[in-house]
Amino acid sequence: MNIERWQELLIGLRVAPESDTFSRLQSAYAQKHRAYHTSRHIDECLSLLDELKHLAEHPSEVECALWFHDAIYEP
């Protein structure tokens, strides 16, 4: 997870760049009880999206969904 990619996503979605949400996501994915749904998992998902982005009709929206898909995790 990196702030530059987050900011680029927001610009692509025409949302004002900010870092508070990024910080909150970063904290959520760093929680100790997470075994799999971590920031590494998000990075892996984003990497796979980079390979397959050409197949998406709305790649920015797909990327946004990836950032948030495991933000709340209660095993």
Protein backbone atom coordinates (compact mmCIF):
# COMPACT_ATOMS: atom_id res chain seq x y z
CA MET A 1 0.00 0.00 0.00
CA ASN A 2 1.43 3.35 -0.88
CA ILE A 3 0.13 6.86 -0.56
CA GLU A 4 1.13 7.84 -4.10
CA ARG A 5 -1.05 5.14 -5.62
CA TRP A 6 -3.90 6.14 -3.29
CA GLN A 7 -3.61 9.78 -4.38
CA GLU A 8 -3.56 8.78 -8.07
CA LEU A 9 -6.71 6.73 -7.53
CA LEU A 10 -8.51 9.67 -5.95
CA ILE A 11 -7.51 11.95 -8.80
CA GLY A 12 -8.75 9.35 -11.30
CA LEU A 13 -12.07 9.21 -9.46
CA ARG A 14 -12.22 13.02 -9.36
CA VAL A 15 -12.09 13.05 -5.58
CA ALA A 16 -10.02 15.61 -3.71
CA PRO A 17 -6.70 14.03 -2.71
CA GLU A 18 -6.46 13.32 1.01
CA SER A 19 -4.49 11.02 3.27
CA ASP A 20 -6.74 10.45 6.30
CA THR A 21 -8.62 7.58 4.70
CA PHE A 22 -5.35 6.04 3.55
CA SER A 23 -4.01 6.21 7.12
CA ARG A 24 -7.17 4.58 8.45
CA LEU A 25 -6.95 1.80 5.87
CA GLN A 26 -3.29 1.29 6.66
CA SER A 27 -4.11 0.96 10.37
CA ALA A 28 -6.97 -1.42 9.69
CA TYR A 29 -4.86 -3.73 7.55
CA ALA A 30 -2.09 -3.71 10.20
CA GLN A 31 -4.31 -5.08 12.99
CA LYS A 32 -2.65 -7.92 14.88
CA HIS A 33 -5.52 -10.40 14.51
CA ARG A 34 -5.24 -10.47 10.71
CA ALA A 35 -3.64 -13.59 9.33
CA TYR A 36 -4.28 -13.07 5.63
CA HIS A 37 -6.23 -9.85 5.04
CA THR A 38 -3.26 -7.51 5.51
CA SER A 39 -1.66 -4.68 3.57
CA ARG A 40 0.39 -7.32 1.75
CA HIS A 41 -2.88 -8.87 0.54
CA ILE A 42 -4.02 -5.48 -0.75
CA ASP A 43 -0.70 -4.99 -2.55
CA GLU A 44 -1.06 -8.43 -4.15
CA CYS A 45 -4.61 -7.60 -5.27
CA LEU A 46 -3.48 -4.27 -6.73
CA SER A 47 -0.62 -5.98 -8.52
CA LEU A 48 -3.02 -8.45 -10.08
CA LEU A 49 -5.29 -5.57 -11.09
CA ASP A 50 -2.33 -3.95 -12.84
CA GLU A 51 -1.99 -7.08 -14.97
CA LEU A 52 -5.71 -7.32 -15.78
CA LYS A 53 -6.77 -3.66 -15.77
CA HIS A 54 -7.31 -3.71 -19.53
CA LEU A 55 -10.23 -6.11 -19.01
CA ALA A 56 -12.14 -3.78 -16.66
CA GLU A 57 -14.76 -1.39 -17.94
CA HIS A 58 -14.22 0.85 -14.89
CA PRO A 59 -10.74 0.08 -13.55
CA SER A 60 -10.65 2.95 -11.05
CA GLU A 61 -13.84 1.73 -9.43
CA VAL A 62 -12.45 -1.81 -9.27
CA GLU A 63 -9.28 -0.48 -7.66
CA CYS A 64 -11.31 1.44 -5.09
CA ALA A 65 -13.21 -1.73 -4.23
CA LEU A 66 -9.91 -3.58 -3.74
CA TRP A 67 -8.63 -0.98 -1.29
CA PHE A 68 -11.73 -1.35 0.86
CA HIS A 69 -12.76 -4.98 0.40
CA ASP A 70 -11.25 -6.22 3.69
CA ALA A 71 -11.05 -2.97 5.66
CA ILE A 72 -13.42 -4.32 8.29
CA TYR A 73 -12.32 -7.75 9.37
CA GLU A 74 -13.80 -9.56 12.32
CA PRO A 75 -12.85 -13.25 12.34
